[in-house]
Protein backbone atom coordinates (compact mmCIF):
# COMPACT_ATOMS: atom_id res chain seq x y z
CA MET A 1 0.15 -0.20 -0.04
CA THR A 2 1.34 3.36 -0.53
CA THR A 3 1.25 6.06 1.68
CA HIS A 4 0.55 9.82 1.58
CA HIS A 5 0.46 12.66 4.19
CA SER A 6 -2.84 14.02 4.66
CA LEU A 7 -4.19 17.20 6.48
CA LEU A 8 -6.62 15.14 7.89
CA THR A 9 -4.79 12.09 9.39
CA THR A 10 -3.64 14.02 12.69
CA HIS A 11 -6.41 13.73 15.75
CA HIS A 12 -6.40 17.07 17.63
CA MET A 13 -9.38 18.47 19.60
CA SER A 14 -10.09 22.29 19.76
CA ALA A 15 -8.15 24.49 22.20
CA ASN A 16 -10.12 23.19 25.12
CA PRO A 17 -11.23 19.83 24.46
CA LEU A 18 -13.63 19.33 26.99
CA SER A 19 -15.54 22.22 26.07
CA ARG A 20 -19.07 21.21 25.31
CA LEU A 21 -20.59 22.84 22.19
CA ARG A 22 -24.36 22.94 21.35
CA ILE A 23 -24.10 21.99 17.63
CA VAL A 24 -26.98 22.03 15.06
CA VAL A 25 -26.78 19.83 12.03
CA LEU A 26 -28.93 20.95 9.09
CA GLY A 27 -29.46 18.16 6.65
CA TYR A 28 -31.67 16.23 4.61
CA LEU A 29 -33.61 13.12 6.02
CA VAL A 30 -37.14 14.10 6.04
CA ARG A 31 -37.34 15.12 2.50
CA GLY A 32 -34.72 12.46 1.39
CA PRO A 33 -35.87 9.04 3.49
CA LEU A 34 -33.48 6.44 1.95
CA GLY A 35 -30.95 4.85 3.93
CA GLY A 36 -27.50 5.53 2.21
CA LEU A 37 -28.39 9.24 2.59
CA ALA A 38 -29.94 9.02 5.71
CA TRP A 39 -26.59 7.91 6.99
CA HIS A 40 -24.52 10.92 5.37
CA HIS A 41 -26.29 12.97 7.93
CA LEU A 42 -26.77 10.73 10.51
CA GLN A 43 -23.29 10.25 11.48
CA TYR A 44 -22.74 13.87 11.70
CA VAL A 45 -24.87 14.00 14.43
CA LEU A 46 -23.97 10.53 16.01
CA GLY A 47 -20.61 11.76 15.51
CA PHE A 48 -20.91 15.10 17.78
CA ALA A 49 -22.91 13.12 19.99
CA ARG A 50 -20.39 10.52 20.59
CA LEU A 51 -17.75 13.28 21.39
CA GLY A 52 -19.90 14.85 24.19
CA HIS A 53 -21.36 17.59 22.40
CA ASP A 54 -25.06 18.96 22.73
CA VAL A 55 -26.23 18.19 19.44
CA TYR A 56 -29.83 18.44 17.62
CA PHE A 57 -30.61 17.78 13.85
CA VAL A 58 -32.90 20.03 12.28
CA GLU A 59 -34.27 20.36 8.30
CA ASP A 60 -35.93 22.70 6.37
CA SER A 61 -38.90 22.14 3.85
CA ASP A 62 -37.34 24.78 1.77
CA ASP A 63 -40.08 26.74 -0.19
CA TYR A 64 -40.62 24.54 -3.21
CA PRO A 65 -42.23 20.74 -3.43
CA ALA A 66 -39.01 18.34 -2.02
CA CYS A 67 -40.53 16.07 -0.15
CA TYR A 68 -39.69 12.16 -1.61
CA ASP A 69 -42.30 9.47 -0.72
CA PRO A 70 -40.87 6.29 -1.94
CA ALA A 71 -44.11 4.31 -0.94
CA ARG A 72 -45.98 6.57 -3.15
CA HIS A 73 -43.34 7.32 -5.73
CA VAL A 74 -44.08 11.10 -5.44
CA VAL A 75 -42.33 14.48 -4.84
CA ASP A 76 -44.44 17.06 -2.88
CA THR A 77 -44.80 18.97 -0.11
CA ASP A 78 -46.18 16.15 2.59
CA PRO A 79 -43.38 15.17 5.11
CA SER A 80 -45.50 12.29 6.66
CA TYR A 81 -43.40 9.17 5.13
CA GLY A 82 -40.22 11.44 6.03
CA LEU A 83 -41.33 12.18 9.56
CA GLU A 84 -41.65 8.71 10.33
CA PHE A 85 -38.59 7.45 8.81
CA THR A 86 -36.50 10.16 10.59
CA GLY A 87 -37.89 9.36 13.64
CA GLN A 88 -37.61 5.60 13.50
CA ALA A 89 -33.91 6.43 12.53
CA PHE A 90 -33.11 8.56 15.55
CA THR A 91 -34.85 6.43 18.26
CA ARG A 92 -33.16 3.31 16.99
CA LEU A 93 -29.75 5.46 17.54
CA GLY A 94 -30.65 6.69 20.72
CA LEU A 95 -31.08 10.42 19.68
CA GLY A 96 -35.03 10.04 19.33
CA GLU A 97 -35.74 13.45 20.95
CA ARG A 98 -32.96 15.39 19.07
CA TRP A 99 -34.55 16.60 16.00
CA ALA A 100 -36.87 18.94 14.24
CA TYR A 101 -38.58 19.73 10.91
CA HIS A 102 -39.67 23.34 9.81
CA ASP A 103 -42.57 22.67 7.39
CA ALA A 104 -42.53 26.56 5.52
CA HIS A 105 -45.29 25.09 3.45
CA ARG A 106 -47.86 25.22 6.71
CA THR A 107 -45.50 27.75 8.57
CA GLN A 108 -45.22 25.21 11.84
CA TRP A 109 -42.47 23.13 13.47
CA LEU A 110 -42.85 19.43 13.92
CA GLY A 111 -40.89 16.66 15.40
CA PRO A 112 -39.92 16.08 19.07
CA CYS A 113 -37.96 19.25 19.67
CA ALA A 114 -40.45 21.46 17.87
CA GLY A 115 -41.69 23.03 20.88
CA ALA A 116 -38.27 24.15 22.25
CA ILE A 117 -36.45 24.58 18.97
CA ARG A 118 -36.21 28.51 18.88
CA GLN A 119 -34.41 28.27 22.42
CA ILE A 120 -32.28 25.47 21.17
CA LEU A 121 -31.24 27.38 17.90
CA GLY A 122 -30.83 30.70 20.29
CA GLU A 123 -28.26 29.05 22.58
CA ALA A 124 -26.37 27.11 19.93
CA ASP A 125 -22.56 27.56 19.35
CA LEU A 126 -22.11 25.94 15.90
CA LEU A 127 -24.39 25.53 12.57
CA VAL A 128 -23.13 22.73 10.55
CA ASN A 129 -25.03 22.81 6.58
CA VAL A 130 -24.51 19.35 5.12
CA SER A 131 -24.54 19.30 1.48
CA SER A 132 -26.10 22.85 1.61
CA VAL A 133 -29.47 21.69 1.04
CA ASN A 134 -31.35 23.89 3.61
CA PRO A 135 -32.01 27.87 3.46
CA LEU A 136 -30.37 29.88 6.23
CA ARG A 137 -33.59 31.33 7.62
CA PRO A 138 -33.34 34.23 10.12
CA TRP A 139 -32.99 31.90 13.18
CA PHE A 140 -29.94 30.04 11.82
CA GLU A 141 -28.25 33.28 11.24
CA GLU A 142 -28.30 33.85 14.86
CA ILE A 143 -25.76 31.00 15.34
CA PRO A 144 -22.15 32.60 15.43
CA VAL A 145 -20.05 30.11 13.70
CA ARG A 146 -22.10 28.64 10.33
CA VAL A 147 -20.16 25.98 8.30
CA LEU A 148 -21.05 24.82 4.48
CA ILE A 149 -20.45 21.38 4.11
CA ASP A 150 -19.93 21.03 0.43
CA THR A 151 -20.39 17.40 -0.88
CA ASP A 152 -20.81 18.12 -4.53
CA PRO A 153 -17.98 19.89 -5.77
CA VAL A 154 -17.45 21.58 -9.32
CA PHE A 155 -21.63 21.52 -8.90
CA THR A 156 -21.37 23.47 -5.82
CA GLN A 157 -19.00 26.04 -7.20
CA VAL A 158 -20.75 26.52 -10.54
CA ARG A 159 -24.06 27.01 -8.93
CA HIS A 160 -22.61 29.77 -6.63
CA LEU A 161 -21.18 31.62 -9.97
CA THR A 162 -24.39 31.21 -11.83
CA ASP A 163 -27.13 31.14 -9.25
CA ALA A 164 -27.56 34.34 -7.34
CA ALA A 165 -29.70 32.89 -4.91
CA ALA A 166 -27.53 30.30 -3.97
CA ARG A 167 -24.35 32.41 -3.67
CA ARG A 168 -26.49 34.57 -1.13
CA ASN A 169 -27.54 31.65 0.80
CA ALA A 170 -23.46 30.30 0.62
CA LEU A 171 -22.48 33.70 2.05
CA GLY A 172 -24.49 33.74 5.16
CA HIS A 173 -22.11 30.90 6.33
CA THR A 174 -18.90 31.61 8.25
CA ALA A 175 -16.66 28.89 7.23
CA PHE A 176 -16.63 26.59 4.20
CA MET A 177 -15.37 22.86 3.50
CA THR A 178 -15.57 20.71 0.85
CA PHE A 179 -15.35 17.16 0.00
CA GLY A 180 -13.40 18.20 -3.24
CA GLU A 181 -9.88 18.15 -0.98
CA ASN A 182 -8.17 19.45 -4.18
CA VAL A 183 -10.20 22.62 -4.44
CA PRO A 184 -8.72 24.49 -1.49
CA GLY A 185 -4.97 25.83 -2.88
CA ARG A 186 -6.09 25.34 -6.50
CA ARG A 187 -4.80 22.15 -6.85
CA SER A 188 -7.74 21.59 -9.06
CA GLY A 189 -9.81 22.47 -12.10
CA VAL A 190 -13.07 23.29 -10.41
CA PRO A 191 -14.05 26.89 -10.90
CA ASP A 192 -13.46 29.57 -8.16
CA ASP A 193 -16.06 30.73 -6.73
CA GLY A 194 -14.40 33.11 -4.65
CA LEU A 195 -14.97 31.65 -1.18
CA PRO A 196 -12.26 30.04 1.24
CA TRP A 197 -13.02 26.55 0.64
CA THR A 198 -10.81 23.71 3.31
CA ALA A 199 -10.62 20.21 2.95
CA THR A 200 -12.87 17.83 5.10
CA ARG A 201 -13.96 14.30 4.69
CA GLN A 202 -17.11 11.91 5.77
CA PRO A 203 -17.04 11.14 9.50
CA VAL A 204 -18.00 7.42 9.89
CA VAL A 205 -18.75 6.35 13.28
CA LEU A 206 -16.98 3.04 13.13
CA ASP A 207 -18.68 1.37 15.81
CA VAL A 208 -22.40 1.35 14.15
CA TRP A 209 -20.33 -0.23 11.04
CA PRO A 210 -19.25 -3.45 12.36
CA VAL A 211 -16.92 -5.75 10.37
CA THR A 212 -18.27 -9.11 9.14
CA PRO A 213 -16.19 -11.69 7.01
CA GLY A 214 -16.33 -10.52 3.22
CA LEU A 215 -17.93 -12.82 0.69
CA ALA A 216 -15.18 -14.19 -1.88
CA GLY A 217 -17.97 -15.44 -4.32
CA GLY A 218 -20.05 -12.42 -3.72
CA ARG A 219 -20.51 -9.52 -6.26
CA PHE A 220 -19.33 -5.99 -6.75
CA THR A 221 -21.81 -3.74 -6.00
CA THR A 222 -22.90 -0.02 -5.60
CA VAL A 223 -25.88 2.19 -5.15
CA MET A 224 -26.06 5.00 -7.55
CA GLN A 225 -28.20 7.74 -9.21
CA TRP A 226 -27.73 7.43 -13.19
CA ASP A 227 -28.24 11.18 -13.64
CA SER A 228 -28.68 13.21 -10.76
CA TYR A 229 -29.59 16.58 -12.75
CA PRO A 230 -28.42 17.72 -16.23
CA ALA A 231 -24.92 18.63 -16.86
CA ARG A 232 -23.43 21.87 -15.97
CA GLU A 233 -21.41 24.39 -18.27
CA TYR A 234 -19.36 27.01 -17.12
CA ALA A 235 -16.63 29.21 -19.07
CA GLY A 236 -16.89 26.83 -21.83
CA ARG A 237 -16.09 23.65 -19.93
CA ARG A 238 -18.92 20.98 -19.00
CA PHE A 239 -19.30 19.04 -16.15
CA ALA A 240 -21.77 16.04 -16.08
CA THR A 241 -23.01 13.22 -14.09
CA LYS A 242 -22.34 9.29 -13.59
CA ALA A 243 -24.45 8.76 -16.73
CA GLU A 244 -21.73 10.02 -18.84
CA SER A 245 -18.60 8.55 -16.93
CA PHE A 246 -20.36 5.12 -17.10
CA MET A 247 -20.29 4.58 -20.91
CA PRO A 248 -16.39 3.80 -21.25
CA TYR A 249 -17.35 0.66 -18.72
CA LEU A 250 -20.33 -0.47 -20.21
CA ASP A 251 -18.67 -3.86 -21.35
CA LEU A 252 -16.69 -4.33 -18.15
CA PRO A 253 -18.59 -7.47 -17.00
CA GLY A 254 -17.94 -9.62 -19.98
CA ARG A 255 -13.98 -8.83 -19.22
CA VAL A 256 -14.17 -9.90 -15.64
CA GLY A 257 -14.74 -13.21 -13.75
CA SER A 258 -16.80 -11.60 -11.17
CA LEU A 259 -20.70 -10.50 -10.89
CA LEU A 260 -20.75 -6.86 -10.90
CA GLU A 261 -24.34 -5.51 -9.44
CA LEU A 262 -25.89 -2.06 -9.52
CA ALA A 263 -28.58 -0.52 -7.22
CA LEU A 264 -29.62 1.74 -10.02
CA GLY A 265 -31.41 5.07 -9.39
CA SER A 266 -33.34 7.23 -12.15
CA ALA A 267 -36.09 6.55 -14.53
CA GLU A 268 -33.80 7.22 -17.76
CA ALA A 269 -31.04 4.90 -16.78
CA PRO A 270 -30.62 2.64 -19.75
CA ARG A 271 -31.35 -0.53 -18.07
CA SER A 272 -32.12 -3.14 -21.04
CA LEU A 273 -28.72 -1.92 -22.37
CA LEU A 274 -26.95 -2.56 -19.00
CA GLU A 275 -28.27 -5.72 -18.63
CA GLN A 276 -27.27 -7.01 -22.13
CA LYS A 277 -23.94 -5.96 -21.08
CA GLY A 278 -23.94 -8.55 -18.25
CA TRP A 279 -24.92 -6.10 -15.59
CA LEU A 280 -27.00 -6.97 -12.57
CA LEU A 281 -29.43 -4.65 -11.58
CA CYS A 282 -31.56 -4.43 -8.18
CA ASP A 283 -34.06 -2.21 -6.74
CA PRO A 284 -32.63 0.61 -5.42
CA LEU A 285 -35.51 1.22 -2.96
CA GLU A 286 -35.38 -2.04 -1.31
CA VAL A 287 -31.81 -1.51 -0.68
CA THR A 288 -32.40 1.87 0.99
CA ARG A 289 -35.50 1.38 2.46
CA ASP A 290 -33.92 2.37 5.76
CA PRO A 291 -30.58 2.66 7.44
CA TRP A 292 -30.11 -0.80 7.94
CA THR A 293 -31.26 -2.51 4.77
CA TYR A 294 -28.60 -0.27 3.31
CA GLN A 295 -25.67 -1.50 5.84
CA ARG A 296 -27.23 -4.94 5.08
CA TYR A 297 -26.74 -4.54 1.39
CA ILE A 298 -23.06 -3.37 1.89
CA ARG A 299 -22.35 -6.41 4.41
CA GLN A 300 -23.56 -8.82 1.78
CA SER A 301 -21.34 -7.06 -1.18
CA LYS A 302 -17.76 -8.70 -2.09
CA ALA A 303 -16.63 -4.92 -2.22
CA GLU A 304 -17.64 -2.01 -4.57
CA PHE A 305 -17.09 -1.06 -7.88
CA THR A 306 -18.52 2.55 -8.61
CA VAL A 307 -17.68 5.10 -11.31
CA ALA A 308 -17.82 9.07 -10.05
CA LYS A 309 -19.63 11.67 -11.45
CA HIS A 310 -17.78 13.28 -14.83
CA GLY A 311 -17.50 16.75 -13.14
CA TYR A 312 -15.80 15.28 -10.07
CA VAL A 313 -12.99 13.45 -12.43
CA VAL A 314 -12.37 16.24 -15.23
CA SER A 315 -11.80 18.73 -12.18
CA HIS A 316 -9.52 16.69 -10.53
CA SER A 317 -11.26 17.33 -7.62
CA GLY A 318 -10.12 14.85 -4.88
CA TRP A 319 -13.59 13.93 -4.32
CA PHE A 320 -14.39 10.88 -2.39
CA SER A 321 -17.83 8.91 -1.63
CA GLU A 322 -19.22 8.90 1.56
CA ARG A 323 -21.16 5.60 0.67
CA SER A 324 -17.53 4.55 -0.40
CA ALA A 325 -16.25 5.32 2.88
CA ALA A 326 -19.08 3.25 4.43
CA TYR A 327 -17.79 0.29 2.41
CA LEU A 328 -14.49 0.61 3.49
CA ALA A 329 -15.64 0.60 7.15
CA SER A 330 -17.51 -2.30 6.62
CA GLY A 331 -14.33 -3.88 5.59
CA ARG A 332 -15.39 -3.95 2.16
CA PRO A 333 -12.90 -3.02 -0.61
CA VAL A 334 -13.62 -0.04 -2.78
CA ILE A 335 -12.87 0.40 -6.60
CA THR A 336 -13.33 3.91 -7.83
CA GLN A 337 -12.83 6.21 -10.37
CA ASP A 338 -9.94 8.24 -9.78
CA THR A 339 -10.89 12.16 -8.99
CA GLY A 340 -7.24 13.18 -8.03
CA LEU A 341 -7.48 11.67 -4.74
CA SER A 342 -4.90 8.79 -5.50
CA ALA A 343 -2.56 12.05 -4.09
CA LEU A 344 -4.46 12.20 -1.13
CA LEU A 345 -5.49 8.71 0.00
CA PRO A 346 -3.37 5.12 0.38
CA THR A 347 -4.53 3.31 -2.87
CA GLY A 348 -3.45 -0.23 -4.26
CA THR A 349 -5.09 -2.38 -1.40
CA GLY A 350 -8.31 -2.12 0.22
CA LEU A 351 -8.67 1.18 -2.11
CA LEU A 352 -7.79 0.76 -5.59
CA THR A 353 -8.53 3.41 -8.28
CA TYR A 354 -8.56 3.23 -12.05
CA THR A 355 -8.73 6.03 -14.85
CA ASN A 356 -9.68 3.47 -17.99
CA ALA A 357 -11.33 0.11 -18.36
CA ASP A 358 -8.52 -1.40 -18.32
CA GLU A 359 -7.24 -0.38 -15.10
CA ALA A 360 -10.65 -1.20 -13.88
CA VAL A 361 -10.25 -4.87 -14.95
CA ALA A 362 -6.91 -5.21 -13.35
CA ALA A 363 -8.38 -3.62 -10.10
CA ILE A 364 -11.30 -6.08 -9.89
CA GLU A 365 -8.74 -8.89 -10.62
CA ALA A 366 -6.28 -7.72 -7.94
CA VAL A 367 -9.55 -7.79 -5.23
CA ASP A 368 -9.79 -11.09 -6.70
CA ARG A 369 -6.69 -12.50 -6.01
CA CYS A 370 -5.96 -11.33 -2.35
CA TYR A 371 -9.29 -10.80 -1.03
CA GLY A 372 -8.76 -11.15 2.45
CA GLN A 373 -5.75 -8.52 2.26
CA HIS A 374 -8.29 -6.23 0.69
CA CYS A 375 -10.68 -6.46 3.49
CA ARG A 376 -8.33 -5.53 6.34
CA ALA A 377 -6.89 -3.01 4.56
CA ALA A 378 -10.23 -1.51 3.64
CA ARG A 379 -10.94 -1.29 7.43
CA ASP A 380 -7.70 0.22 8.36
CA LEU A 381 -8.26 2.80 6.04
CA ALA A 382 -11.54 3.85 7.27
CA GLU A 383 -10.21 3.81 10.73
CA ALA A 384 -7.52 6.00 9.79
CA TYR A 385 -9.18 8.43 7.49
CA PHE A 386 -12.65 8.71 7.87
CA ASP A 387 -13.02 8.39 12.10
CA ALA A 388 -15.93 10.54 13.32
CA ARG A 389 -13.24 11.19 16.48
CA GLN A 390 -10.86 12.67 14.00
CA VAL A 391 -12.65 14.25 11.29
CA LEU A 392 -15.10 15.98 13.51
CA PRO A 393 -12.87 17.58 15.92
CA GLN A 394 -10.83 19.15 13.17
CA LEU A 395 -13.99 20.40 11.77
CA ILE A 396 -14.78 22.08 14.93
CA ASP A 397 -11.17 23.59 14.88
CA ALA A 398 -10.92 24.98 11.24
CA ALA A 399 -14.72 26.34 11.62
CA MET A 400 -13.83 28.32 15.21
CA LYS A 401 -10.63 29.84 13.97
CA THR A 402 -12.41 31.60 10.77
């Protein structure tokens, strides 16, 4: 395994490691009640709580219909499904009383903290807006330190450069952190939106991701959207989604001995073509029905094989997936398209990157040859680079220094 120096590997607390902060995590669970998406936000809340902080999860409906209901297959303003999903998830994690939802369509607060939420917000020290998918209402702007977490590099910056409302919302924050680790220092081709970005990673609460024996005869899997949104263009450059990244790898199943499976979302995905090429497809709504069905799917996988959004790759952003971090934590090797991350994380064992189809074939064959070694290295990587006990104190330190 190659080794690399990383800005994010040293574990250090804030100036006073015993200080207890009131932290509000802004996220996307009620509107996006899916297992993988849920973990992305839950690990911030649970991670801060495990560090001893007074943490609350808050979500805003925004002002347009955005509540996805997988039971009815609709997007509207009714949060009923998402409220139940969120309540069950927080209760199971022992955080059942620590969340609230602002329904702007009906001008009301919902959830167990609804009655006390204005006092909670008024006494908060730190706001962490994960993925910037919540508007900064006036009551959030009263919190002295407000962090924007960019989990979608390139697309976030282009939005800030082309959408005045998005830029105004971003400027309401006091600190700016990105999963695109090459964005700071202008080490990438991500357009400069003028914001002072620093690097961060997905925190993983390792004890809720138990390692189980890998299935040597199992399938390489991933959970993915074919096309999350249209391609973006800026300054004559085009940044597209996974639909474009995937095309050079269509023939991969015929070139390897292992089975490749996609839990594939998006109505526009070319399912017949993929099946003709040998890809196995499964229902993503079954996989992501709740956070624990999602975990089971990862544990039942041999490893992850995934592409990255075209925009992440062509911009050399250094992005790494929160989903892939969960595979690593589960002791499952990850094979992913290189976004510039091979200069940031150790690659070659446990985490393998590729830039073309031949390299992808070689990576799959390498995992097949020494599967146990790759499984052990995967968990080691998660512990060294994604442990919430390291990532979150560093996030707090960086935010408080701005």
